[in-house]
Amino acid sequence: MNQSGRHSPDPVSYYIGHLYRLGSMQLSKELAHFSLGYGQYLFLINLYGQDGLKHEDLTARLHVDKSTTTRAITKLYETGYVTIKPDADKRKYTIHLTEKAMQDKEEILAIGNRWEDTLAEGLSTEERDELFRLLKKISAYHYANNKNGADR
């Protein structure tokens, strides 16, 4: 059986997990030059998209728990990529990119772009667009319906 009837020896989750592990290893290897790992990379590219985000905004954007955000931001702070500034509400703070982060921006973003290009090798532009559209659709559906089992 297959084509949605299941009993496949190769479930979709295997391929998703495999690509995640490959990407994590490849990105971590290339980011080591910056004393960064894959975990910090995801937070950093979100800050490149919008500097000055609050802790809870990053947590929500990345669909992770607060402690994961804290660990990643602490590492980015320790490596000189971000500063942490208290918000008007002293219990909250905003995270800002440093000059070092801005100097390394193009090279760090290029690492992620190369990995995405590697993933898409052999796909036409239409296939690549369709793959991205479907992955976004699946992700949005599961987060909207809390199908991931986490209450964040």
Protein backbone atom coordinates (compact mmCIF):
# COMPACT_ATOMS: atom_id res chain seq x y z
CA MET A 1 0.00 0.00 0.00
CA ASN A 2 1.10 3.60 -0.51
CA GLN A 3 -0.07 6.94 -1.93
CA SER A 4 -1.72 7.87 1.34
CA GLY A 5 -2.87 4.32 2.17
CA ARG A 6 0.42 4.15 4.12
CA HIS A 7 2.39 1.10 5.19
CA SER A 8 5.32 2.66 3.42
CA PRO A 9 8.78 1.56 4.50
CA ASP A 10 9.80 5.20 3.95
CA PRO A 11 7.48 7.54 5.85
CA VAL A 12 7.58 11.24 4.99
CA SER A 13 8.75 11.97 8.54
CA TYR A 14 11.94 10.02 7.82
CA TYR A 15 12.84 12.36 4.96
CA ILE A 16 11.92 15.48 6.88
CA GLY A 17 14.03 14.34 9.83
CA HIS A 18 16.90 13.31 7.57
CA LEU A 19 17.00 16.69 5.83
CA TYR A 20 16.76 18.49 9.18
CA ARG A 21 19.74 16.54 10.54
CA LEU A 22 21.79 17.11 7.37
CA GLY A 23 21.02 20.82 7.42
CA SER A 24 21.74 21.17 11.10
CA MET A 25 25.12 19.46 10.70
CA GLN A 26 26.08 21.39 7.56
CA LEU A 27 25.04 24.79 8.91
CA SER A 28 26.68 24.14 12.29
CA LYS A 29 29.91 23.18 10.52
CA GLU A 30 29.97 26.37 8.47
CA LEU A 31 28.78 28.61 11.32
CA ALA A 32 31.51 27.31 13.66
CA HIS A 33 33.81 29.89 12.07
CA PHE A 34 31.60 32.52 13.75
CA SER A 35 31.35 30.58 17.05
CA LEU A 36 27.68 29.98 16.25
CA GLY A 37 25.57 26.86 15.89
CA TYR A 38 22.38 26.02 14.06
CA GLY A 39 20.25 26.95 17.08
CA GLN A 40 21.56 30.49 17.19
CA TYR A 41 21.35 30.85 13.40
CA LEU A 42 17.55 30.68 13.40
CA PHE A 43 17.31 33.47 15.96
CA LEU A 44 19.93 35.56 14.22
CA ILE A 45 18.22 35.46 10.82
CA ASN A 46 14.97 36.51 12.47
CA LEU A 47 16.75 39.48 14.02
CA TYR A 48 18.30 40.31 10.65
CA GLY A 49 14.74 40.49 9.36
CA GLN A 50 13.61 42.73 12.23
CA ASP A 51 16.06 44.05 14.78
CA GLY A 52 14.89 44.94 18.27
CA LEU A 53 12.46 42.08 18.82
CA LYS A 54 11.26 41.11 22.27
CA HIS A 55 12.06 37.73 23.78
CA GLU A 56 8.42 36.60 23.53
CA ASP A 57 8.21 37.72 19.89
CA LEU A 58 11.18 35.55 18.93
CA THR A 59 9.73 32.66 20.91
CA ALA A 60 6.41 32.94 19.05
CA ARG A 61 7.99 33.39 15.61
CA LEU A 62 10.16 30.32 15.96
CA HIS A 63 7.55 28.20 17.74
CA VAL A 64 9.94 27.26 20.53
CA ASP A 65 9.70 27.44 24.30
CA LYS A 66 10.98 30.38 26.32
CA SER A 67 14.00 28.50 27.68
CA THR A 68 15.18 27.67 24.14
CA THR A 69 14.98 31.37 23.26
CA THR A 70 16.86 32.31 26.43
CA ARG A 71 19.68 29.83 25.70
CA ALA A 72 20.04 31.01 22.09
CA ILE A 73 20.00 34.71 22.99
CA THR A 74 22.50 34.12 25.81
CA LYS A 75 24.88 32.43 23.35
CA LEU A 76 24.42 35.27 20.82
CA TYR A 77 25.13 37.76 23.60
CA GLU A 78 28.24 35.87 24.75
CA THR A 79 29.59 35.74 21.19
CA GLY A 80 29.00 39.46 20.68
CA TYR A 81 26.14 39.27 18.18
CA VAL A 82 23.41 40.89 20.24
CA THR A 83 22.84 43.32 23.06
CA ILE A 84 19.93 43.08 25.46
CA LYS A 85 18.10 46.25 26.44
CA PRO A 86 15.40 46.58 29.10
CA ASP A 87 12.01 47.54 27.74
CA ALA A 88 9.85 50.28 29.28
CA ASP A 89 8.29 47.41 31.25
CA LYS A 90 11.36 46.38 33.25
CA ARG A 91 10.31 42.72 33.20
CA LYS A 92 10.74 42.59 29.42
CA TYR A 93 13.64 43.33 27.13
CA THR A 94 14.48 43.80 23.48
CA ILE A 95 17.28 42.13 21.58
CA HIS A 96 19.41 44.22 19.24
CA LEU A 97 22.07 43.28 16.71
CA THR A 98 25.60 44.52 17.30
CA GLU A 99 28.06 45.94 14.79
CA LYS A 100 29.72 42.52 14.71
CA ALA A 101 26.40 40.93 13.70
CA MET A 102 25.99 43.46 10.91
CA GLN A 103 29.56 42.95 9.67
CA ASP A 104 29.01 39.18 9.43
CA LYS A 105 25.44 39.41 8.09
CA GLU A 106 26.08 38.78 4.39
CA GLU A 107 28.38 35.84 5.02
CA ILE A 108 26.02 34.26 7.56
CA LEU A 109 23.00 34.65 5.28
CA ALA A 110 25.01 33.25 2.36
CA ILE A 111 25.64 30.05 4.38
CA GLY A 112 21.89 29.48 4.71
CA ASN A 113 21.29 30.33 1.05
CA ARG A 114 23.94 27.82 -0.06
CA TRP A 115 22.28 25.10 2.02
CA GLU A 116 18.87 25.87 0.50
CA ASP A 117 20.40 25.79 -2.98
CA THR A 118 21.99 22.43 -2.18
CA LEU A 119 18.64 21.07 -0.99
CA ALA A 120 16.91 22.21 -4.16
CA GLU A 121 19.51 20.88 -6.62
CA GLY A 122 17.74 18.93 -9.31
CA LEU A 123 14.40 20.70 -8.80
CA SER A 124 12.95 23.08 -11.34
CA THR A 125 11.96 26.56 -10.19
CA GLU A 126 8.32 25.46 -10.24
CA GLU A 127 9.07 22.35 -8.16
CA ARG A 128 11.06 24.41 -5.68
CA ASP A 129 8.23 26.94 -5.34
CA GLU A 130 5.69 24.15 -4.92
CA LEU A 131 7.78 22.39 -2.28
CA PHE A 132 8.13 25.63 -0.31
CA ARG A 133 4.40 26.37 -0.64
CA LEU A 134 3.44 22.90 0.61
CA LEU A 135 5.87 22.97 3.55
CA LYS A 136 4.56 26.38 4.63
CA LYS A 137 0.98 25.12 4.32
CA ILE A 138 1.64 22.02 6.43
CA SER A 139 3.51 24.02 9.05
CA ALA A 140 0.86 26.75 9.28
CA TYR A 141 -1.94 24.17 9.58
CA HIS A 142 -0.25 22.30 12.42
CA TYR A 143 0.69 25.40 14.38
CA ALA A 144 -2.78 26.90 13.95
CA ASN A 145 -4.35 23.69 15.19
CA ASN A 146 -1.70 23.03 17.84
CA LYS A 147 -0.96 19.69 16.25
CA ASN A 148 2.60 19.76 17.55
CA GLY A 149 1.44 18.85 21.04
CA ALA A 150 3.16 21.82 22.63
CA ASP A 151 1.42 24.60 24.46
CA ARG A 152 3.79 27.48 23.99
